[in-house]
Amino acid sequence: YYHPEWYVIDFAAVILGAGVGAILGVSFSPLPILILLIILTVYDYISVYRTKHMISLAESIVEIRVPVIFISPKKRDFSLDRIRKDGKREAYYIGLGDVILPSTLIVSASVYKCGGVLYILCPPVFLSIVGSFIGLFILLLLVRMGGAHAGLPFLVSGTLIGYVVGCMISGISII
């Protein structure tokens, strides 16, 4: 029985995430996505910081090696076969949903607000991308300091701020 390594899981997660993000993004206009993002961000915050059940879920996912998580090793020789049980983390983990959900707003804005125009020419799309990267950067800084953190509050906040600013700059309705 073969267990895939982290890079195989990451590759499968990229393919899965791109497909799901694109399908959801073209299926819904920005308003339902905005509502969903806000609800799921609150849920993510509660499930990581209050009930902590998302942390145990993530640990289980790493053990069974399902491609719904991105794994970023701290060292080149990292292997999932040699995960330490002493509590020390040898890799950074981010849930696939933390990446997919903000991307749905970006895709939706591209389709419904910009008519499929090249994203660099559409401020809501471009600034949403920039905002999501800023949110990711802040999240990774906090994770590097230690402990598990909810991803959606940071990524969604950056994406939403970028989207709103982009809509305001271009005169496009937010909803």
N, C-alpha and C. Protein backbone atom coordinates (compact mmCIF):
# COMPACT_ATOMS: atom_id res chain seq x y z
N TYR A 1 0.85 -1.17 0.00
CA TYR A 1 0.00 0.00 0.00
C TYR A 1 0.89 1.23 0.00
N TYR A 2 0.68 2.13 -0.94
CA TYR A 2 1.53 3.31 -1.11
C TYR A 2 0.84 4.56 -0.57
N HIS A 3 1.57 5.34 0.21
CA HIS A 3 1.07 6.62 0.70
C HIS A 3 1.77 7.73 -0.08
N PRO A 4 1.02 8.64 -0.68
CA PRO A 4 1.66 9.70 -1.46
C PRO A 4 2.43 10.68 -0.57
N GLU A 5 3.49 11.22 -1.13
CA GLU A 5 4.28 12.23 -0.43
C GLU A 5 3.59 13.58 -0.51
N TRP A 6 4.12 14.55 0.19
CA TRP A 6 3.50 15.87 0.30
C TRP A 6 3.35 16.56 -1.04
N TYR A 7 4.33 16.41 -1.94
CA TYR A 7 4.27 17.11 -3.23
C TYR A 7 3.20 16.52 -4.14
N VAL A 8 2.89 15.24 -4.00
CA VAL A 8 1.80 14.63 -4.76
C VAL A 8 0.47 15.15 -4.24
N ILE A 9 0.36 15.25 -2.93
CA ILE A 9 -0.86 15.79 -2.32
C ILE A 9 -1.05 17.24 -2.73
N ASP A 10 0.03 18.03 -2.71
CA ASP A 10 -0.06 19.44 -3.12
C ASP A 10 -0.47 19.58 -4.58
N PHE A 11 0.10 18.76 -5.45
CA PHE A 11 -0.25 18.82 -6.87
C PHE A 11 -1.73 18.50 -7.08
N ALA A 12 -2.19 17.45 -6.43
CA ALA A 12 -3.61 17.08 -6.56
C ALA A 12 -4.50 18.18 -5.97
N ALA A 13 -4.06 18.81 -4.88
CA ALA A 13 -4.84 19.89 -4.27
C ALA A 13 -4.91 21.10 -5.19
N VAL A 14 -3.84 21.40 -5.91
CA VAL A 14 -3.86 22.53 -6.85
C VAL A 14 -4.88 22.28 -7.95
N ILE A 15 -4.88 21.09 -8.50
CA ILE A 15 -5.82 20.74 -9.57
C ILE A 15 -7.26 20.80 -9.04
N LEU A 16 -7.48 20.17 -7.90
CA LEU A 16 -8.81 20.15 -7.28
C LEU A 16 -9.27 21.57 -6.93
N GLY A 17 -8.39 22.34 -6.32
CA GLY A 17 -8.73 23.70 -5.90
C GLY A 17 -9.05 24.62 -7.07
N ALA A 18 -8.27 24.52 -8.13
CA ALA A 18 -8.53 25.35 -9.31
C ALA A 18 -9.89 25.03 -9.92
N GLY A 19 -10.19 23.76 -10.00
CA GLY A 19 -11.48 23.35 -10.57
C GLY A 19 -12.66 23.78 -9.73
N VAL A 20 -12.58 23.53 -8.44
CA VAL A 20 -13.69 23.88 -7.55
C VAL A 20 -13.86 25.40 -7.47
N GLY A 21 -12.76 26.14 -7.34
CA GLY A 21 -12.84 27.60 -7.29
C GLY A 21 -13.44 28.19 -8.54
N ALA A 22 -13.06 27.64 -9.70
CA ALA A 22 -13.60 28.14 -10.96
C ALA A 22 -15.08 27.80 -11.10
N ILE A 23 -15.45 26.59 -10.77
CA ILE A 23 -16.86 26.18 -10.91
C ILE A 23 -17.76 27.00 -9.98
N LEU A 24 -17.36 27.14 -8.73
CA LEU A 24 -18.17 27.93 -7.79
C LEU A 24 -18.19 29.40 -8.18
N GLY A 25 -17.06 29.92 -8.64
CA GLY A 25 -16.99 31.33 -9.02
C GLY A 25 -17.88 31.69 -10.19
N VAL A 26 -17.95 30.82 -11.19
CA VAL A 26 -18.81 31.12 -12.34
C VAL A 26 -20.27 30.78 -12.06
N SER A 27 -20.52 30.00 -11.03
CA SER A 27 -21.89 29.58 -10.72
C SER A 27 -22.67 30.61 -9.90
N PHE A 28 -21.97 31.46 -9.18
CA PHE A 28 -22.64 32.42 -8.30
C PHE A 28 -22.14 33.83 -8.56
N SER A 29 -23.06 34.78 -8.43
CA SER A 29 -22.66 36.19 -8.52
C SER A 29 -21.95 36.56 -7.22
N PRO A 30 -21.31 37.72 -7.17
CA PRO A 30 -20.56 38.08 -5.96
C PRO A 30 -21.38 38.15 -4.67
N LEU A 31 -22.65 38.56 -4.73
CA LEU A 31 -23.43 38.71 -3.49
C LEU A 31 -23.54 37.41 -2.69
N PRO A 32 -24.00 36.30 -3.28
CA PRO A 32 -24.06 35.07 -2.47
C PRO A 32 -22.68 34.62 -2.00
N ILE A 33 -21.67 34.87 -2.80
CA ILE A 33 -20.32 34.49 -2.39
C ILE A 33 -19.86 35.35 -1.22
N LEU A 34 -20.17 36.64 -1.25
CA LEU A 34 -19.82 37.52 -0.13
C LEU A 34 -20.47 37.04 1.16
N ILE A 35 -21.74 36.69 1.09
CA ILE A 35 -22.46 36.20 2.27
C ILE A 35 -21.84 34.89 2.76
N LEU A 36 -21.58 33.97 1.85
CA LEU A 36 -20.97 32.69 2.21
C LEU A 36 -19.59 32.90 2.84
N LEU A 37 -18.79 33.78 2.26
CA LEU A 37 -17.45 34.03 2.80
C LEU A 37 -17.51 34.56 4.22
N ILE A 38 -18.42 35.46 4.48
CA ILE A 38 -18.53 36.03 5.83
C ILE A 38 -18.96 34.96 6.83
N ILE A 39 -19.95 34.15 6.47
CA ILE A 39 -20.43 33.08 7.36
C ILE A 39 -19.32 32.07 7.62
N LEU A 40 -18.63 31.63 6.57
CA LEU A 40 -17.59 30.62 6.74
C LEU A 40 -16.36 31.17 7.46
N THR A 41 -16.10 32.46 7.34
CA THR A 41 -15.00 33.07 8.07
C THR A 41 -15.27 33.05 9.57
N VAL A 42 -16.50 33.37 9.96
CA VAL A 42 -16.88 33.30 11.37
C VAL A 42 -16.80 31.86 11.87
N TYR A 43 -17.29 30.92 11.06
CA TYR A 43 -17.22 29.50 11.42
C TYR A 43 -15.76 29.05 11.58
N ASP A 44 -14.89 29.45 10.67
CA ASP A 44 -13.48 29.06 10.74
C ASP A 44 -12.84 29.60 12.01
N TYR A 45 -13.14 30.84 12.33
CA TYR A 45 -12.60 31.44 13.56
C TYR A 45 -13.04 30.64 14.79
N ILE A 46 -14.32 30.34 14.87
CA ILE A 46 -14.84 29.59 16.02
C ILE A 46 -14.26 28.18 16.07
N SER A 47 -14.17 27.52 14.92
CA SER A 47 -13.71 26.12 14.90
C SER A 47 -12.22 25.96 15.17
N VAL A 48 -11.45 27.02 14.97
CA VAL A 48 -10.01 26.93 15.26
C VAL A 48 -9.70 27.46 16.65
N TYR A 49 -10.24 28.62 17.00
CA TYR A 49 -9.86 29.26 18.25
C TYR A 49 -10.74 28.90 19.44
N ARG A 50 -11.98 28.54 19.23
CA ARG A 50 -12.89 28.25 20.35
C ARG A 50 -13.03 26.74 20.56
N THR A 51 -13.65 26.05 19.60
CA THR A 51 -13.90 24.62 19.78
C THR A 51 -12.68 23.76 19.45
N LYS A 52 -11.79 24.27 18.64
CA LYS A 52 -10.54 23.62 18.22
C LYS A 52 -10.75 22.32 17.44
N HIS A 53 -11.98 22.07 16.98
CA HIS A 53 -12.20 20.82 16.25
C HIS A 53 -11.57 20.86 14.85
N MET A 54 -11.36 22.05 14.30
CA MET A 54 -10.72 22.13 12.99
C MET A 54 -9.25 21.71 13.06
N ILE A 55 -8.62 21.93 14.19
CA ILE A 55 -7.22 21.52 14.36
C ILE A 55 -7.12 20.00 14.36
N SER A 56 -8.00 19.33 15.10
CA SER A 56 -7.96 17.86 15.12
C SER A 56 -8.35 17.29 13.76
N LEU A 57 -9.25 17.97 13.05
CA LEU A 57 -9.62 17.53 11.71
C LEU A 57 -8.41 17.63 10.77
N ALA A 58 -7.66 18.72 10.86
CA ALA A 58 -6.48 18.90 10.02
C ALA A 58 -5.43 17.83 10.32
N GLU A 59 -5.25 17.50 11.58
CA GLU A 59 -4.29 16.44 11.94
C GLU A 59 -4.71 15.11 11.34
N SER A 60 -6.00 14.81 11.36
CA SER A 60 -6.50 13.56 10.77
C SER A 60 -6.29 13.55 9.26
N ILE A 61 -6.50 14.69 8.62
CA ILE A 61 -6.34 14.78 7.17
C ILE A 61 -4.90 14.52 6.78
N VAL A 62 -3.96 15.05 7.56
CA VAL A 62 -2.54 14.82 7.27
C VAL A 62 -2.23 13.33 7.40
N GLU A 63 -2.79 12.68 8.39
CA GLU A 63 -2.53 11.25 8.59
C GLU A 63 -3.05 10.40 7.44
N ILE A 64 -4.24 10.71 6.93
CA ILE A 64 -4.80 9.88 5.86
C ILE A 64 -4.41 10.36 4.47
N ARG A 65 -3.75 11.52 4.41
CA ARG A 65 -3.16 12.04 3.17
C ARG A 65 -4.17 12.30 2.05
N VAL A 66 -5.23 12.98 2.40
CA VAL A 66 -6.24 13.38 1.43
C VAL A 66 -5.83 14.74 0.86
N PRO A 67 -5.97 14.95 -0.44
CA PRO A 67 -5.51 16.22 -1.03
C PRO A 67 -6.46 17.39 -0.80
N VAL A 68 -6.74 17.67 0.47
CA VAL A 68 -7.56 18.83 0.81
C VAL A 68 -6.77 19.76 1.73
N ILE A 69 -5.46 19.66 1.64
CA ILE A 69 -4.58 20.49 2.45
C ILE A 69 -3.29 20.71 1.67
N PHE A 70 -2.74 21.91 1.81
CA PHE A 70 -1.43 22.19 1.21
C PHE A 70 -0.38 22.02 2.29
N ILE A 71 0.71 21.37 1.93
CA ILE A 71 1.79 21.10 2.87
C ILE A 71 3.04 21.80 2.35
N SER A 72 3.63 22.63 3.19
CA SER A 72 4.84 23.34 2.82
C SER A 72 5.93 22.99 3.84
N PRO A 73 6.87 22.12 3.45
CA PRO A 73 7.90 21.67 4.39
C PRO A 73 8.85 22.80 4.80
N LYS A 74 9.35 22.68 6.02
CA LYS A 74 10.35 23.63 6.50
C LYS A 74 11.75 23.25 6.02
N LYS A 75 11.95 21.96 5.75
CA LYS A 75 13.26 21.47 5.30
C LYS A 75 13.10 20.64 4.04
N ARG A 76 14.15 20.58 3.24
CA ARG A 76 14.12 19.87 1.96
C ARG A 76 13.86 18.37 2.11
N ASP A 77 14.36 17.77 3.15
CA ASP A 77 14.25 16.32 3.29
C ASP A 77 12.97 15.88 4.01
N PHE A 78 11.99 16.76 4.11
CA PHE A 78 10.73 16.44 4.78
C PHE A 78 10.02 15.29 4.08
N SER A 79 9.45 14.40 4.87
CA SER A 79 8.66 13.30 4.35
C SER A 79 7.48 13.06 5.29
N LEU A 80 6.33 12.81 4.71
CA LEU A 80 5.16 12.49 5.53
C LEU A 80 5.33 11.17 6.26
N ASP A 81 6.23 10.33 5.76
CA ASP A 81 6.47 9.04 6.41
C ASP A 81 7.22 9.21 7.73
N ARG A 82 7.84 10.38 7.91
CA ARG A 82 8.63 10.61 9.12
C ARG A 82 8.08 11.77 9.96
N ILE A 83 6.78 11.89 10.03
CA ILE A 83 6.19 12.96 10.84
C ILE A 83 6.46 12.67 12.31
N ARG A 84 6.94 13.68 12.99
CA ARG A 84 7.29 13.54 14.40
C ARG A 84 6.04 13.54 15.26
N LYS A 85 6.07 12.74 16.28
CA LYS A 85 4.93 12.65 17.20
C LYS A 85 5.15 13.50 18.46
N ASP A 86 6.27 14.20 18.55
CA ASP A 86 6.57 14.98 19.75
C ASP A 86 5.96 16.38 19.73
N GLY A 87 5.14 16.66 18.73
CA GLY A 87 4.47 17.95 18.68
C GLY A 87 5.18 19.01 17.85
N LYS A 88 6.44 18.75 17.48
CA LYS A 88 7.16 19.72 16.66
C LYS A 88 6.68 19.63 15.22
N ARG A 89 6.39 20.78 14.66
CA ARG A 89 5.94 20.81 13.27
C ARG A 89 7.13 20.92 12.34
N GLU A 90 7.14 20.07 11.32
CA GLU A 90 8.20 20.12 10.33
C GLU A 90 7.71 20.71 9.02
N ALA A 91 6.44 21.12 9.01
CA ALA A 91 5.86 21.70 7.80
C ALA A 91 4.75 22.66 8.20
N TYR A 92 4.40 23.52 7.25
CA TYR A 92 3.26 24.41 7.42
C TYR A 92 2.09 23.80 6.65
N TYR A 93 0.89 23.93 7.21
CA TYR A 93 -0.29 23.37 6.58
C TYR A 93 -1.33 24.46 6.38
N ILE A 94 -1.99 24.44 5.23
CA ILE A 94 -3.10 25.36 4.99
C ILE A 94 -4.20 24.57 4.28
N GLY A 95 -5.39 24.69 4.79
CA GLY A 95 -6.52 23.94 4.23
C GLY A 95 -6.88 24.41 2.83
N LEU A 96 -7.30 23.49 2.02
CA LEU A 96 -7.67 23.81 0.64
C LEU A 96 -8.84 24.78 0.59
N GLY A 97 -9.76 24.66 1.53
CA GLY A 97 -10.88 25.59 1.59
C GLY A 97 -10.45 27.02 1.83
N ASP A 98 -9.35 27.19 2.58
CA ASP A 98 -8.83 28.54 2.82
C ASP A 98 -8.35 29.20 1.53
N VAL A 99 -7.99 28.40 0.57
CA VAL A 99 -7.53 28.93 -0.72
C VAL A 99 -8.69 29.02 -1.71
N ILE A 100 -9.54 28.01 -1.73
CA ILE A 100 -10.64 27.97 -2.70
C ILE A 100 -11.65 29.08 -2.46
N LEU A 101 -12.06 29.27 -1.23
CA LEU A 101 -13.16 30.20 -0.96
C LEU A 101 -12.86 31.64 -1.37
N PRO A 102 -11.71 32.21 -1.03
CA PRO A 102 -11.44 33.56 -1.54
C PRO A 102 -11.33 33.61 -3.06
N SER A 103 -10.83 32.54 -3.66
CA SER A 103 -10.70 32.54 -5.13
C SER A 103 -12.05 32.53 -5.83
N THR A 104 -13.09 32.03 -5.16
CA THR A 104 -14.42 32.05 -5.78
C THR A 104 -14.91 33.48 -5.99
N LEU A 105 -14.60 34.37 -5.06
CA LEU A 105 -14.98 35.77 -5.23
C LEU A 105 -14.21 36.40 -6.38
N ILE A 106 -12.96 36.05 -6.51
CA ILE A 106 -12.13 36.59 -7.60
C ILE A 106 -12.68 36.14 -8.95
N VAL A 107 -13.00 34.87 -9.07
CA VAL A 107 -13.56 34.35 -10.33
C VAL A 107 -14.92 34.98 -10.60
N SER A 108 -15.76 35.06 -9.57
CA SER A 108 -17.09 35.64 -9.73
C SER A 108 -17.01 37.10 -10.16
N ALA A 109 -16.12 37.85 -9.55
CA ALA A 109 -15.95 39.26 -9.93
C ALA A 109 -15.48 39.38 -11.36
N SER A 110 -14.61 38.48 -11.77
CA SER A 110 -14.12 38.50 -13.15
C SER A 110 -15.24 38.25 -14.14
N VAL A 111 -16.11 37.31 -13.82
CA VAL A 111 -17.19 36.94 -14.73
C VAL A 111 -18.35 37.93 -14.68
N TYR A 112 -18.80 38.27 -13.46
CA TYR A 112 -20.03 39.06 -13.31
C TYR A 112 -19.80 40.57 -13.25
N LYS A 113 -18.63 41.01 -12.84
CA LYS A 113 -18.39 42.44 -12.71
C LYS A 113 -17.53 43.00 -13.84
N CYS A 114 -16.70 42.18 -14.42
CA CYS A 114 -15.76 42.68 -15.42
C CYS A 114 -15.98 42.07 -16.79
N GLY A 115 -16.95 41.21 -16.91
CA GLY A 115 -17.26 40.62 -18.20
C GLY A 115 -16.13 39.80 -18.81
N GLY A 116 -15.31 39.21 -17.96
CA GLY A 116 -14.23 38.37 -18.45
C GLY A 116 -13.04 39.14 -18.98
N VAL A 117 -12.97 40.45 -18.70
CA VAL A 117 -11.83 41.27 -19.14
C VAL A 117 -10.58 40.76 -18.44
N LEU A 118 -9.45 40.92 -19.08
CA LEU A 118 -8.18 40.54 -18.48
C LEU A 118 -8.10 41.10 -17.07
N TYR A 119 -7.80 40.26 -16.09
CA TYR A 119 -7.90 40.66 -14.68
C TYR A 119 -7.06 41.87 -14.32
N ILE A 120 -5.97 42.07 -14.99
CA ILE A 120 -5.11 43.21 -14.68
C ILE A 120 -5.81 44.53 -15.00
N LEU A 121 -6.79 44.48 -15.91
CA LEU A 121 -7.53 45.67 -16.30
C LEU A 121 -8.78 45.89 -15.46
N CYS A 122 -9.08 44.98 -14.58
CA CYS A 122 -10.30 45.05 -13.77
C CYS A 122 -9.92 45.22 -12.30
N PRO A 123 -10.02 46.44 -11.76
CA PRO A 123 -9.58 46.68 -10.38
C PRO A 123 -10.18 45.76 -9.32
N PRO A 124 -11.49 45.41 -9.35
CA PRO A 124 -11.98 44.51 -8.30
C PRO A 124 -11.27 43.15 -8.30
N VAL A 125 -10.97 42.65 -9.48
CA VAL A 125 -10.31 41.35 -9.57
C VAL A 125 -8.84 41.47 -9.16
N PHE A 126 -8.16 42.42 -9.75
CA PHE A 126 -6.73 42.58 -9.48
C PHE A 126 -6.47 42.88 -8.00
N LEU A 127 -7.24 43.80 -7.43
CA LEU A 127 -7.03 44.16 -6.03
C LEU A 127 -7.48 43.05 -5.08
N SER A 128 -8.44 42.24 -5.50
CA SER A 128 -8.81 41.06 -4.69
C SER A 128 -7.65 40.08 -4.62
N ILE A 129 -6.98 39.90 -5.74
CA ILE A 129 -5.82 39.01 -5.77
C ILE A 129 -4.72 39.56 -4.87
N VAL A 130 -4.44 40.85 -5.01
CA VAL A 130 -3.42 41.49 -4.17
C VAL A 130 -3.80 41.37 -2.70
N GLY A 131 -5.05 41.64 -2.38
CA GLY A 131 -5.52 41.54 -0.99
C GLY A 131 -5.40 40.14 -0.43
N SER A 132 -5.70 39.14 -1.25
CA SER A 132 -5.59 37.77 -0.75
C SER A 132 -4.13 37.40 -0.48
N PHE A 133 -3.21 37.90 -1.30
CA PHE A 133 -1.79 37.64 -1.05
C PHE A 133 -1.31 38.36 0.20
N ILE A 134 -1.80 39.57 0.44
CA ILE A 134 -1.44 40.28 1.67
C ILE A 134 -1.98 39.52 2.88
N GLY A 135 -3.22 39.05 2.80
CA GLY A 135 -3.79 38.25 3.88
C GLY A 135 -3.00 36.97 4.12
N LEU A 136 -2.57 36.32 3.04
CA LEU A 136 -1.76 35.11 3.16
C LEU A 136 -0.43 35.42 3.81
N PHE A 137 0.19 36.52 3.43
CA PHE A 137 1.47 36.92 4.00
C PHE A 137 1.34 37.13 5.51
N ILE A 138 0.30 37.83 5.94
CA ILE A 138 0.08 38.06 7.37
C ILE A 138 -0.17 36.74 8.10
N LEU A 139 -0.98 35.87 7.49
CA LEU A 139 -1.25 34.56 8.08
C LEU A 139 0.04 33.76 8.25
N LEU A 140 0.87 33.74 7.22
CA LEU A 140 2.11 32.96 7.30
C LEU A 140 3.07 33.54 8.34
N LEU A 141 3.08 34.85 8.50
CA LEU A 141 3.90 35.45 9.56
C LEU A 141 3.44 34.97 10.94
N LEU A 142 2.13 34.95 11.15
CA LEU A 142 1.60 34.49 12.43
C LEU A 142 1.86 33.00 12.66
N VAL A 143 1.70 32.21 11.62
CA VAL A 143 1.94 30.77 11.74
C VAL A 143 3.41 30.51 12.05
N ARG A 144 4.27 31.30 11.45
CA ARG A 144 5.70 31.14 11.68
C ARG A 144 6.07 31.44 13.13
N MET A 145 5.33 32.34 13.76
CA MET A 145 5.57 32.66 15.18
C MET A 145 5.14 31.51 16.09
N GLY A 146 4.28 30.65 15.56
CA GLY A 146 3.88 29.48 16.33
C GLY A 146 2.37 29.34 16.46
N GLY A 147 1.94 28.09 16.55
CA GLY A 147 0.54 27.79 16.75
C GLY A 147 -0.26 27.71 15.47
N ALA A 148 -1.44 27.15 15.62
CA ALA A 148 -2.36 27.02 14.49
C ALA A 148 -3.23 28.27 14.43
N HIS A 149 -3.53 28.70 13.24
CA HIS A 149 -4.37 29.87 13.04
C HIS A 149 -5.42 29.59 11.98
N ALA A 150 -6.57 30.21 12.14
CA ALA A 150 -7.63 30.10 11.14
C ALA A 150 -7.18 30.87 9.90
N GLY A 151 -7.28 30.24 8.75
CA GLY A 151 -6.83 30.87 7.51
C GLY A 151 -7.83 31.83 6.90
N LEU A 152 -9.09 31.47 6.96
CA LEU A 152 -10.11 32.29 6.28
C LEU A 152 -10.19 33.74 6.77
N PRO A 153 -10.11 34.01 8.07
CA PRO A 153 -10.21 35.42 8.47
C PRO A 153 -9.17 36.31 7.79
N PHE A 154 -7.97 35.81 7.61
CA PHE A 154 -6.91 36.61 6.99
C PHE A 154 -7.08 36.69 5.47
N LEU A 155 -7.29 35.54 4.85
CA LEU A 155 -7.40 35.51 3.39
C LEU A 155 -8.66 36.20 2.90
N VAL A 156 -9.77 35.94 3.58
CA VAL A 156 -11.03 36.56 3.17
C VAL A 156 -11.00 38.06 3.42
N SER A 157 -10.44 38.48 4.55
CA SER A 157 -10.36 39.92 4.83
C SER A 157 -9.58 40.64 3.74
N GLY A 158 -8.43 40.09 3.38
CA GLY A 158 -7.64 40.71 2.32
C GLY A 158 -8.36 40.73 0.99
N THR A 159 -9.02 39.63 0.66
CA THR A 159 -9.75 39.54 -0.60
C THR A 159 -10.93 40.51 -0.61
N LEU A 160 -11.68 40.57 0.48
CA LEU A 160 -12.83 41.48 0.55
C LEU A 160 -12.41 42.94 0.49
N ILE A 161 -11.36 43.29 1.21
CA ILE A 161 -10.89 44.68 1.17
C ILE A 161 -10.45 45.04 -0.24
N GLY A 162 -9.70 44.15 -0.87
CA GLY A 162 -9.28 44.40 -2.25
C GLY A 162 -10.45 44.53 -3.20
N TYR A 163 -11.45 43.68 -3.03
CA TYR A 163 -12.64 43.70 -3.87
C TYR A 163 -13.40 45.01 -3.70
N VAL A 164 -13.64 45.40 -2.46
CA VAL A 164 -14.40 46.63 -2.19
C VAL A 164 -13.65 47.86 -2.71
N VAL A 165 -12.36 47.94 -2.44
CA VAL A 165 -11.57 49.07 -2.93
C VAL A 165 -11.57 49.09 -4.46
N GLY A 166 -11.41 47.92 -5.08
CA GLY A 166 -11.44 47.84 -6.54
C GLY A 166 -12.76 48.28 -7.13
N CYS A 167 -13.85 47.88 -6.48
CA CYS A 167 -15.18 48.31 -6.94
C CYS A 167 -15.35 49.82 -6.80
N MET A 168 -14.87 50.36 -5.69
CA MET A 168 -14.99 51.80 -5.47
C MET A 168 -14.16 52.59 -6.48
N ILE A 169 -12.96 52.13 -6.76
CA ILE A 169 -12.08 52.81 -7.72
C ILE A 169 -12.70 52.82 -9.11
N SER A 170 -13.27 51.68 -9.50
CA SER A 170 -13.78 51.56 -10.86
C SER A 170 -15.25 51.97 -11.00
N GLY A 171 -15.91 52.27 -9.89
CA GLY A 171 -17.31 52.68 -9.95
C GLY A 171 -18.27 51.54 -10.20
N ILE A 172 -17.83 50.31 -9.91
CA ILE A 172 -18.66 49.12 -10.09
C ILE A 172 -19.38 48.84 -8.77
N SER A 173 -20.64 48.43 -8.84
CA SER A 173 -21.41 48.08 -7.65
C SER A 173 -20.75 46.92 -6.91
N ILE A 174 -20.70 47.02 -5.59
CA ILE A 174 -20.08 45.97 -4.78
C ILE A 174 -20.90 44.69 -4.82
N ILE A 175 -22.23 44.82 -4.77
CA ILE A 175 -23.07 43.63 -4.79
C ILE A 175 -23.57 43.45 -6.16
